[in-house]
């Protein structure tokens, strides 16, 4: 099954950013992806959880434009720019983590919260957004925010 993970290839665009002014609903990480990018991430998560062994893949992140970060209208993002995202699957990991690591982001997930992350990308892929997922079962855990792509009708996936 680990061969299925190594055979995976990214398609579509994936966006991750933080806002420059981290007020209450602006703080933390924000995610979006085009429908193809969402399907690609969902496929990767399914392959990783099916393999059920520690594994990783590195994805390219698209440049976050004003159209993307402007969806929630929280102002401009931080000036940091990440070009790569490494998704680490550790079956026993209980939390989702996202850490900066020498110019890339390292996202770690385990079986426990992999369905939450997968479900978030499924929802964004069909045009939904403006929701968060918890990164842990702990009381004050960080929440990651997910946003629809600009100009996508959230009910039928057609461009306006």
Protein backbone atom coordinates (compact mmCIF):
# COMPACT_ATOMS: atom_id res chain seq x y z
CA UNK A 1 0.00 0.00 0.00
CA UNK A 2 2.89 2.44 0.63
CA UNK A 3 3.58 2.16 -3.09
CA UNK A 4 0.19 3.83 -3.69
CA UNK A 5 1.39 6.83 -1.67
CA UNK A 6 4.64 7.09 -3.63
CA UNK A 7 2.71 6.82 -6.92
CA UNK A 8 0.48 9.80 -6.00
CA UNK A 9 0.99 12.96 -8.07
CA UNK A 10 -0.38 16.38 -7.21
CA UNK A 11 -2.81 18.19 -9.44
CA UNK A 12 -4.57 21.53 -8.98
CA UNK A 13 -3.75 24.50 -6.76
CA UNK A 14 -3.54 24.54 -2.95
CA UNK A 15 -3.29 27.74 -0.88
CA UNK A 16 -2.23 28.25 2.75
CA UNK A 17 -1.77 31.62 4.47
CA UNK A 18 -2.00 33.60 7.71
CA UNK A 19 -3.32 37.11 8.13
CA UNK A 20 -1.07 40.04 9.03
CA UNK A 21 -3.44 41.28 11.76
CA UNK A 22 -4.26 38.14 13.74
CA UNK A 23 -7.46 39.14 15.51
CA UNK A 24 -9.66 36.46 17.04
CA UNK A 25 -11.26 35.04 13.89
CA UNK A 26 -8.25 35.86 11.72
CA UNK A 27 -5.54 34.07 13.66
CA UNK A 28 -4.07 30.76 12.67
CA UNK A 29 -3.80 29.06 9.32
CA UNK A 30 -6.21 29.54 6.42
CA UNK A 31 -6.66 27.05 3.57
CA UNK A 32 -8.25 26.97 0.15
CA UNK A 33 -7.80 24.96 -3.03
CA UNK A 34 -9.36 24.73 -6.44
CA UNK A 35 -11.62 21.69 -7.01
CA UNK A 36 -8.81 19.71 -8.67
CA UNK A 37 -6.43 20.54 -5.83
CA UNK A 38 -9.02 19.47 -3.27
CA UNK A 39 -9.57 16.15 -5.04
CA UNK A 40 -5.81 15.63 -5.18
CA UNK A 41 -5.37 16.21 -1.42
CA UNK A 42 -8.35 13.96 -0.64
CA UNK A 43 -6.80 11.22 -2.80
CA UNK A 44 -3.48 11.57 -0.97
CA UNK A 45 -5.11 11.38 2.47
CA UNK A 46 -7.04 8.28 1.42
CA UNK A 47 -3.86 6.61 0.14
CA UNK A 48 -1.97 7.47 3.33
CA UNK A 49 -4.65 6.17 5.68
CA UNK A 50 -5.10 3.00 3.59
CA UNK A 51 -1.35 2.34 3.76
CA UNK A 52 -1.49 2.79 7.56
CA UNK A 53 2.28 3.23 7.83
CA UNK A 54 4.33 6.36 8.42
CA UNK A 55 4.79 8.12 5.09
CA UNK A 56 5.00 11.59 3.57
CA UNK A 57 4.57 13.51 0.33
CA UNK A 58 5.54 17.06 -0.59
CA UNK A 59 3.11 19.32 -2.42
CA UNK A 60 3.59 22.64 -4.19
CA UNK A 61 1.63 25.58 -2.81
CA UNK A 62 0.22 28.21 -5.15
CA UNK A 63 0.83 31.92 -4.58
CA UNK A 64 -2.00 33.39 -2.50
CA UNK A 65 -3.48 36.25 -4.54
CA UNK A 66 -5.75 39.04 -3.33
CA UNK A 67 -8.70 37.14 -4.82
CA UNK A 68 -7.93 34.19 -2.55
CA UNK A 69 -7.12 35.95 0.74
CA UNK A 70 -9.89 38.47 0.08
CA UNK A 71 -12.68 35.88 0.31
CA UNK A 72 -13.14 36.38 4.07
CA UNK A 73 -12.19 40.10 3.75
CA UNK A 74 -9.79 40.10 6.73
CA UNK A 75 -7.14 42.31 5.12
CA UNK A 76 -3.79 41.33 3.66
CA UNK A 77 -1.90 38.20 4.68
CA UNK A 78 1.46 38.02 6.37
CA UNK A 79 4.39 38.55 4.05
CA UNK A 80 5.65 35.00 4.58
CA UNK A 81 5.48 32.84 1.49
CA UNK A 82 5.60 29.07 1.55
CA UNK A 83 6.12 27.21 -1.71
CA UNK A 84 6.00 23.65 -0.37
CA UNK A 85 3.85 21.65 2.01
CA UNK A 86 5.08 18.32 3.32
CA UNK A 87 2.27 16.13 4.60
CA UNK A 88 3.54 13.62 7.15
CA UNK A 89 1.24 10.76 8.04
CA UNK A 90 1.98 9.15 11.38
CA UNK A 91 -0.86 6.71 12.12
CA UNK A 92 -0.70 7.18 15.91
CA UNK A 93 -0.52 11.01 15.84
CA UNK A 94 -3.55 12.38 17.66
CA UNK A 95 -3.31 16.05 16.59
CA UNK A 96 -3.01 18.00 13.37
CA UNK A 97 0.07 20.21 13.36
CA UNK A 98 1.38 22.73 10.86
CA UNK A 99 4.88 24.06 11.45
CA UNK A 100 7.30 26.22 9.50
CA UNK A 101 10.46 24.35 8.55
CA UNK A 102 13.14 26.14 6.54
CA UNK A 103 10.79 27.83 4.07
CA UNK A 104 8.25 25.05 3.80
CA UNK A 105 5.31 23.96 5.90
CA UNK A 106 5.18 20.56 7.59
CA UNK A 107 1.68 19.24 8.24
CA UNK A 108 1.47 16.16 10.44
CA UNK A 109 -1.68 14.08 10.76
CA UNK A 110 -2.66 10.71 12.12
CA UNK A 111 -5.59 8.41 11.63
CA UNK A 112 -7.61 10.15 14.36
CA UNK A 113 -8.09 13.52 12.60
CA UNK A 114 -7.38 12.55 9.01
CA UNK A 115 -11.11 12.38 8.26
CA UNK A 116 -11.61 15.96 9.50
CA UNK A 117 -8.90 17.23 7.17
CA UNK A 118 -10.17 15.13 4.28
CA UNK A 119 -13.73 16.30 4.87
CA UNK A 120 -12.63 19.94 4.86
CA UNK A 121 -11.05 19.54 1.42
CA UNK A 122 -14.13 17.66 0.15
CA UNK A 123 -16.32 20.59 1.23
CA UNK A 124 -14.04 23.25 -0.27
CA UNK A 125 -13.90 21.20 -3.46
CA UNK A 126 -17.66 21.57 -3.92
CA UNK A 127 -17.54 25.31 -3.18
CA UNK A 128 -18.26 25.40 0.54
CA UNK A 129 -16.20 27.40 3.00
CA UNK A 130 -16.19 29.70 6.02
CA UNK A 131 -15.69 26.89 8.50
CA UNK A 132 -12.93 25.60 10.72
CA UNK A 133 -11.64 22.27 11.92
CA UNK A 134 -10.05 21.63 15.28
CA UNK A 135 -6.49 20.45 15.33
CA UNK A 136 -6.89 18.51 18.55
CA UNK A 137 -9.44 17.32 21.08
CA UNK A 138 -7.83 19.62 23.65
CA UNK A 139 -9.99 22.45 24.98
CA UNK A 140 -8.10 25.42 23.49
CA UNK A 141 -6.80 23.72 20.36
CA UNK A 142 -6.00 25.79 17.32
CA UNK A 143 -8.61 25.89 14.56
CA UNK A 144 -7.71 25.90 10.87
CA UNK A 145 -10.02 27.94 8.64
CA UNK A 146 -11.17 26.80 5.20
CA UNK A 147 -12.49 29.09 2.45
CA UNK A 148 -14.19 28.60 -0.89
CA UNK A 149 -12.45 29.68 -4.05
CA UNK A 150 -13.49 33.07 -5.44
CA UNK A 151 -16.26 33.09 -8.04
CA UNK A 152 -17.44 29.55 -7.31
CA UNK A 153 -21.12 29.08 -6.51
CA UNK A 154 -21.15 26.98 -3.35
CA UNK A 155 -24.23 25.01 -4.38
CA UNK A 156 -23.41 23.70 -7.83
CA UNK A 157 -19.66 24.29 -8.30
CA UNK A 158 -20.20 26.46 -11.39
CA UNK A 159 -18.34 29.69 -11.87
CA UNK A 160 -20.47 32.77 -11.57
